[in-house]
Amino acid sequence: MNNTKLIVASVLAGLFLSFSVAAANTLDLEDSYRDGDQTVCVYSDGRHTAVVYKDGAGSCPSKHTTH
């Protein structure tokens, strides 16, 4: 009986981890530009797009992960 609970818990944990990893998207930097005192970073993977606003100067990271 105890082994059955362990197996069920392991399967559920594996399913949870696979769904949480599948929900994340890694996007590549497509464009960046200045808008006043902010840097605007535009990311895409061909299907999804994200726009990130950074205060102050600085460059955009080459990758962005969404959850």
PDB file of N, CA and C in Angstrom:
ATOM      1  N   MET A   1       0.823  -1.201   0.000  1.00  0.00           N
ATOM      2  CA  MET A   1       0.000   0.000   0.000  1.00  0.00           C
ATOM      3  C   MET A   1       0.863   1.259   0.000  1.00  0.00           C
ATOM      4  N   ASN A   2       1.930   1.242   0.779  1.00  0.00           N
ATOM      5  CA  ASN A   2       2.808   2.402   0.863  1.00  0.00           C
ATOM      6  C   ASN A   2       3.521   2.659  -0.457  1.00  0.00           C
ATOM      7  N   ASN A   3       3.921   1.603  -1.173  1.00  0.00           N
ATOM      8  CA  ASN A   3       4.570   1.753  -2.468  1.00  0.00           C
ATOM      9  C   ASN A   3       3.624   2.344  -3.493  1.00  0.00           C
ATOM     10  N   THR A   4       2.358   2.015  -3.416  1.00  0.00           N
ATOM     11  CA  THR A   4       1.364   2.558  -4.336  1.00  0.00           C
ATOM     12  C   THR A   4       1.247   4.063  -4.168  1.00  0.00           C
ATOM     13  N   LYS A   5       1.234   4.536  -2.944  1.00  0.00           N
ATOM     14  CA  LYS A   5       1.170   5.980  -2.693  1.00  0.00           C
ATOM     15  C   LYS A   5       2.411   6.684  -3.235  1.00  0.00           C
ATOM     16  N   LEU A   6       3.567   6.062  -3.076  1.00  0.00           N
ATOM     17  CA  LEU A   6       4.805   6.641  -3.574  1.00  0.00           C
ATOM     18  C   LEU A   6       4.795   6.723  -5.097  1.00  0.00           C
ATOM     19  N   ILE A   7       4.310   5.688  -5.752  1.00  0.00           N
ATOM     20  CA  ILE A   7       4.237   5.678  -7.215  1.00  0.00           C
ATOM     21  C   ILE A   7       3.264   6.749  -7.703  1.00  0.00           C
ATOM     22  N   VAL A   8       2.109   6.848  -7.079  1.00  0.00           N
ATOM     23  CA  VAL A   8       1.122   7.856  -7.469  1.00  0.00           C
ATOM     24  C   VAL A   8       1.689   9.259  -7.253  1.00  0.00           C
ATOM     25  N   ALA A   9       2.354   9.494  -6.144  1.00  0.00           N
ATOM     26  CA  ALA A   9       2.951  10.806  -5.873  1.00  0.00           C
ATOM     27  C   ALA A   9       4.029  11.131  -6.903  1.00  0.00           C
ATOM     28  N   SER A  10       4.828  10.143  -7.283  1.00  0.00           N
ATOM     29  CA  SER A  10       5.879  10.362  -8.278  1.00  0.00           C
ATOM     30  C   SER A  10       5.289  10.706  -9.636  1.00  0.00           C
ATOM     31  N   VAL A  11       4.238  10.004 -10.034  1.00  0.00           N
ATOM     32  CA  VAL A  11       3.589  10.276 -11.319  1.00  0.00           C
ATOM     33  C   VAL A  11       2.975  11.673 -11.319  1.00  0.00           C
ATOM     34  N   LEU A  12       2.301  12.038 -10.251  1.00  0.00           N
ATOM     35  CA  LEU A  12       1.702  13.373 -10.169  1.00  0.00           C
ATOM     36  C   LEU A  12       2.761  14.472 -10.194  1.00  0.00           C
ATOM     37  N   ALA A  13       3.858  14.264  -9.500  1.00  0.00           N
ATOM     38  CA  ALA A  13       4.945  15.255  -9.512  1.00  0.00           C
ATOM     39  C   ALA A  13       5.532  15.381 -10.910  1.00  0.00           C
ATOM     40  N   GLY A  14       5.707  14.267 -11.597  1.00  0.00           N
ATOM     41  CA  GLY A  14       6.231  14.308 -12.963  1.00  0.00           C
ATOM     42  C   GLY A  14       5.305  15.045 -13.908  1.00  0.00           C
ATOM     43  N   LEU A  15       4.004  14.810 -13.781  1.00  0.00           N
ATOM     44  CA  LEU A  15       3.034  15.526 -14.623  1.00  0.00           C
ATOM     45  C   LEU A  15       3.040  17.014 -14.337  1.00  0.00           C
ATOM     46  N   PHE A  16       3.097  17.375 -13.066  1.00  0.00           N
ATOM     47  CA  PHE A  16       3.121  18.789 -12.697  1.00  0.00           C
ATOM     48  C   PHE A  16       4.347  19.485 -13.279  1.00  0.00           C
ATOM     49  N   LEU A  17       5.507  18.864 -13.151  1.00  0.00           N
ATOM     50  CA  LEU A  17       6.733  19.461 -13.674  1.00  0.00           C
ATOM     51  C   LEU A  17       6.697  19.571 -15.186  1.00  0.00           C
ATOM     52  N   SER A  18       6.175  18.586 -15.880  1.00  0.00           N
ATOM     53  CA  SER A  18       6.134  18.649 -17.340  1.00  0.00           C
ATOM     54  C   SER A  18       5.201  19.750 -17.816  1.00  0.00           C
ATOM     55  N   PHE A  19       4.069  19.956 -17.127  1.00  0.00           N
ATOM     56  CA  PHE A  19       3.170  21.032 -17.517  1.00  0.00           C
ATOM     57  C   PHE A  19       3.754  22.400 -17.203  1.00  0.00           C
ATOM     58  N   SER A  20       4.456  22.532 -16.095  1.00  0.00           N
ATOM     59  CA  SER A  20       5.030  23.832 -15.753  1.00  0.00           C
ATOM     60  C   SER A  20       6.168  24.199 -16.697  1.00  0.00           C
ATOM     61  N   VAL A  21       6.935  23.226 -17.158  1.00  0.00           N
ATOM     62  CA  VAL A  21       8.003  23.505 -18.121  1.00  0.00           C
ATOM     63  C   VAL A  21       7.408  23.823 -19.484  1.00  0.00           C
ATOM     64  N   ALA A  22       6.359  23.121 -19.873  1.00  0.00           N
ATOM     65  CA  ALA A  22       5.731  23.345 -21.167  1.00  0.00           C
ATOM     66  C   ALA A  22       5.070  24.714 -21.243  1.00  0.00           C
ATOM     67  N   ALA A  23       4.712  25.299 -20.120  1.00  0.00           N
ATOM     68  CA  ALA A  23       4.029  26.576 -20.113  1.00  0.00           C
ATOM     69  C   ALA A  23       4.982  27.748 -20.339  1.00  0.00           C
ATOM     70  N   ALA A  24       6.268  27.546 -20.224  1.00  0.00           N
ATOM     71  CA  ALA A  24       7.241  28.618 -20.403  1.00  0.00           C
ATOM     72  C   ALA A  24       7.636  28.733 -21.867  1.00  0.00           C
ATOM     73  N   ASN A  25       7.731  29.961 -22.355  1.00  0.00           N
ATOM     74  CA  ASN A  25       8.180  30.227 -23.718  1.00  0.00           C
ATOM     75  C   ASN A  25       9.456  31.052 -23.667  1.00  0.00           C
ATOM     76  N   THR A  26      10.451  30.641 -24.432  1.00  0.00           N
ATOM     77  CA  THR A  26      11.675  31.427 -24.557  1.00  0.00           C
ATOM     78  C   THR A  26      11.613  32.184 -25.865  1.00  0.00           C
ATOM     79  N   LEU A  27      11.673  33.503 -25.763  1.00  0.00           N
ATOM     80  CA  LEU A  27      11.551  34.376 -26.925  1.00  0.00           C
ATOM     81  C   LEU A  27      12.898  35.012 -27.225  1.00  0.00           C
ATOM     82  N   ASP A  28      13.158  35.247 -28.516  1.00  0.00           N
ATOM     83  CA  ASP A  28      14.392  35.891 -28.965  1.00  0.00           C
ATOM     84  C   ASP A  28      14.164  37.392 -29.138  1.00  0.00           C
ATOM     85  N   LEU A  29      15.202  38.169 -28.887  1.00  0.00           N
ATOM     86  CA  LEU A  29      15.136  39.614 -29.081  1.00  0.00           C
ATOM     87  C   LEU A  29      15.011  39.917 -30.571  1.00  0.00           C
ATOM     88  N   GLU A  30      13.979  40.643 -30.944  1.00  0.00           N
ATOM     89  CA  GLU A  30      13.751  41.010 -32.344  1.00  0.00           C
ATOM     90  C   GLU A  30      14.105  42.465 -32.615  1.00  0.00           C
ATOM     91  N   ASP A  31      13.845  43.338 -31.627  1.00  0.00           N
ATOM     92  CA  ASP A  31      14.069  44.771 -31.843  1.00  0.00           C
ATOM     93  C   ASP A  31      14.186  45.450 -30.483  1.00  0.00           C
ATOM     94  N   SER A  32      14.863  46.571 -30.462  1.00  0.00           N
ATOM     95  CA  SER A  32      14.911  47.406 -29.264  1.00  0.00           C
ATOM     96  C   SER A  32      15.064  48.855 -29.709  1.00  0.00           C
ATOM     97  N   TYR A  33      14.459  49.755 -28.945  1.00  0.00           N
ATOM     98  CA  TYR A  33      14.550  51.171 -29.263  1.00  0.00           C
ATOM     99  C   TYR A  33      14.319  51.979 -27.998  1.00  0.00           C
ATOM    100  N   ARG A  34      14.707  53.245 -28.055  1.00  0.00           N
ATOM    101  CA  ARG A  34      14.534  54.155 -26.925  1.00  0.00           C
ATOM    102  C   ARG A  34      13.196  54.873 -27.064  1.00  0.00           C
ATOM    103  N   ASP A  35      12.497  55.024 -25.959  1.00  0.00           N
ATOM    104  CA  ASP A  35      11.254  55.785 -25.904  1.00  0.00           C
ATOM    105  C   ASP A  35      11.332  56.675 -24.674  1.00  0.00           C
ATOM    106  N   GLY A  36      11.799  57.876 -24.887  1.00  0.00           N
ATOM    107  CA  GLY A  36      12.015  58.778 -23.758  1.00  0.00           C
ATOM    108  C   GLY A  36      13.149  58.268 -22.898  1.00  0.00           C
ATOM    109  N   ASP A  37      12.878  58.022 -21.619  1.00  0.00           N
ATOM    110  CA  ASP A  37      13.924  57.529 -20.718  1.00  0.00           C
ATOM    111  C   ASP A  37      13.850  56.012 -20.538  1.00  0.00           C
ATOM    112  N   GLN A  38      13.089  55.324 -21.389  1.00  0.00           N
ATOM    113  CA  GLN A  38      12.969  53.872 -21.309  1.00  0.00           C
ATOM    114  C   GLN A  38      13.573  53.205 -22.546  1.00  0.00           C
ATOM    115  N   THR A  39      14.023  51.976 -22.356  1.00  0.00           N
ATOM    116  CA  THR A  39      14.407  51.117 -23.477  1.00  0.00           C
ATOM    117  C   THR A  39      13.269  50.127 -23.672  1.00  0.00           C
ATOM    118  N   VAL A  40      12.807  49.997 -24.907  1.00  0.00           N
ATOM    119  CA  VAL A  40      11.731  49.071 -25.231  1.00  0.00           C
ATOM    120  C   VAL A  40      12.350  47.864 -25.916  1.00  0.00           C
ATOM    121  N   CYS A  41      12.122  46.670 -25.364  1.00  0.00           N
ATOM    122  CA  CYS A  41      12.666  45.427 -25.899  1.00  0.00           C
ATOM    123  C   CYS A  41      11.511  44.616 -26.473  1.00  0.00           C
ATOM    124  N   VAL A  42      11.617  44.222 -27.734  1.00  0.00           N
ATOM    125  CA  VAL A  42      10.571  43.447 -28.400  1.00  0.00           C
ATOM    126  C   VAL A  42      11.102  42.039 -28.649  1.00  0.00           C
ATOM    127  N   TYR A  43      10.387  41.035 -28.121  1.00  0.00           N
ATOM    128  CA  TYR A  43      10.794  39.631 -28.219  1.00  0.00           C
ATOM    129  C   TYR A  43       9.734  38.850 -28.985  1.00  0.00           C
ATOM    130  N   SER A  44      10.178  37.814 -29.716  1.00  0.00           N
ATOM    131  CA  SER A  44       9.237  36.982 -30.455  1.00  0.00           C
ATOM    132  C   SER A  44       9.834  35.602 -30.697  1.00  0.00           C
ATOM    133  N   ASP A  45       8.947  34.612 -30.880  1.00  0.00           N
ATOM    134  CA  ASP A  45       9.380  33.285 -31.317  1.00  0.00           C
ATOM    135  C   ASP A  45       8.655  32.881 -32.597  1.00  0.00           C
ATOM    136  N   GLY A  46       8.014  33.829 -33.262  1.00  0.00           N
ATOM    137  CA  GLY A  46       7.257  33.558 -34.466  1.00  0.00           C
ATOM    138  C   GLY A  46       5.775  33.372 -34.194  1.00  0.00           C
ATOM    139  N   ARG A  47       5.437  32.923 -32.996  1.00  0.00           N
ATOM    140  CA  ARG A  47       4.033  32.728 -32.615  1.00  0.00           C
ATOM    141  C   ARG A  47       3.617  33.665 -31.493  1.00  0.00           C
ATOM    142  N   HIS A  48       4.527  33.955 -30.583  1.00  0.00           N
ATOM    143  CA  HIS A  48       4.241  34.793 -29.419  1.00  0.00           C
ATOM    144  C   HIS A  48       5.148  36.013 -29.462  1.00  0.00           C
ATOM    145  N   THR A  49       4.642  37.122 -28.972  1.00  0.00           N
ATOM    146  CA  THR A  49       5.412  38.363 -28.912  1.00  0.00           C
ATOM    147  C   THR A  49       5.275  38.951 -27.515  1.00  0.00           C
ATOM    148  N   ALA A  50       6.345  39.529 -27.020  1.00  0.00           N
ATOM    149  CA  ALA A  50       6.328  40.207 -25.726  1.00  0.00           C
ATOM    150  C   ALA A  50       7.097  41.511 -25.850  1.00  0.00           C
ATOM    151  N   VAL A  51       6.592  42.538 -25.203  1.00  0.00           N
ATOM    152  CA  VAL A  51       7.262  43.837 -25.159  1.00  0.00           C
ATOM    153  C   VAL A  51       7.628  44.093 -23.701  1.00  0.00           C
ATOM    154  N   VAL A  52       8.906  44.403 -23.464  1.00  0.00           N
ATOM    155  CA  VAL A  52       9.396  44.648 -22.115  1.00  0.00           C
ATOM    156  C   VAL A  52       9.960  46.066 -22.074  1.00  0.00           C
ATOM    157  N   TYR A  53       9.550  46.832 -21.074  1.00  0.00           N
ATOM    158  CA  TYR A  53      10.032  48.200 -20.896  1.00  0.00           C
ATOM    159  C   TYR A  53      11.059  48.215 -19.777  1.00  0.00           C
ATOM    160  N   LYS A  54      12.237  48.764 -20.080  1.00  0.00           N
ATOM    161  CA  LYS A  54      13.303  48.881 -19.081  1.00  0.00           C
ATOM    162  C   LYS A  54      13.531  50.354 -18.792  1.00  0.00           C
ATOM    163  N   ASP A  55      13.531  50.692 -17.504  1.00  0.00           N
ATOM    164  CA  ASP A  55      13.820  52.067 -17.123  1.00  0.00           C
ATOM    165  C   ASP A  55      15.308  52.336 -17.245  1.00  0.00           C
ATOM    166  N   GLY A  56      15.643  53.541 -17.704  1.00  0.00           N
ATOM    167  CA  GLY A  56      17.036  53.936 -17.794  1.00  0.00           C
ATOM    168  C   GLY A  56      17.746  53.344 -18.999  1.00  0.00           C
ATOM    169  N   ALA A  57      19.039  53.551 -19.017  1.00  0.00           N
ATOM    170  CA  ALA A  57      19.856  53.078 -20.127  1.00  0.00           C
ATOM    171  C   ALA A  57      20.181  51.604 -19.933  1.00  0.00           C
ATOM    172  N   GLY A  58      20.669  51.013 -20.979  1.00  0.00           N
ATOM    173  CA  GLY A  58      21.066  49.614 -20.908  1.00  0.00           C
ATOM    174  C   GLY A  58      20.532  48.845 -22.094  1.00  0.00           C
ATOM    175  N   SER A  59      21.169  47.748 -22.373  1.00  0.00           N
ATOM    176  CA  SER A  59      20.740  46.948 -23.509  1.00  0.00           C
ATOM    177  C   SER A  59      19.768  45.863 -23.063  1.00  0.00           C
ATOM    178  N   CYS A  60      19.063  45.312 -24.023  1.00  0.00           N
ATOM    179  CA  CYS A  60      18.089  44.252 -23.754  1.00  0.00           C
ATOM    180  C   CYS A  60      18.793  42.903 -23.771  1.00  0.00           C
ATOM    181  N   PRO A  61      18.422  42.007 -22.892  1.00  0.00           N
ATOM    182  CA  PRO A  61      18.958  40.647 -22.956  1.00  0.00           C
ATOM    183  C   PRO A  61      18.526  39.975 -24.267  1.00  0.00           C
ATOM    184  N   SER A  62      19.309  39.050 -24.759  1.00  0.00           N
ATOM    185  CA  SER A  62      19.007  38.411 -26.047  1.00  0.00           C
ATOM    186  C   SER A  62      17.841  37.433 -25.948  1.00  0.00           C
ATOM    187  N   LYS A  63      17.486  36.980 -24.760  1.00  0.00           N
ATOM    188  CA  LYS A  63      16.383  36.031 -24.545  1.00  0.00           C
ATOM    189  C   LYS A  63      15.445  36.556 -23.472  1.00  0.00           C
ATOM    190  N   HIS A  64      14.163  36.179 -23.597  1.00  0.00           N
ATOM    191  CA  HIS A  64      13.163  36.531 -22.585  1.00  0.00           C
ATOM    192  C   HIS A  64      12.266  35.310 -22.399  1.00  0.00           C
ATOM    193  N   THR A  65      12.020  34.936 -21.153  1.00  0.00           N
ATOM    194  CA  THR A  65      11.175  33.783 -20.859  1.00  0.00           C
ATOM    195  C   THR A  65       9.864  34.250 -20.261  1.00  0.00           C
ATOM    196  N   THR A  66       8.765  33.777 -20.847  1.00  0.00           N
ATOM    197  CA  THR A  66       7.441  34.084 -20.313  1.00  0.00           C
ATOM    198  C   THR A  66       6.887  32.830 -19.662  1.00  0.00           C
ATOM    199  N   HIS A  67       5.999  33.018 -18.703  1.00  0.00           N
ATOM    200  CA  HIS A  67       5.386  31.872 -18.000  1.00  0.00           C
ATOM    201  C   HIS A  67       3.901  31.932 -18.135  1.00  0.00           C
TER     202      HIS A  67
END
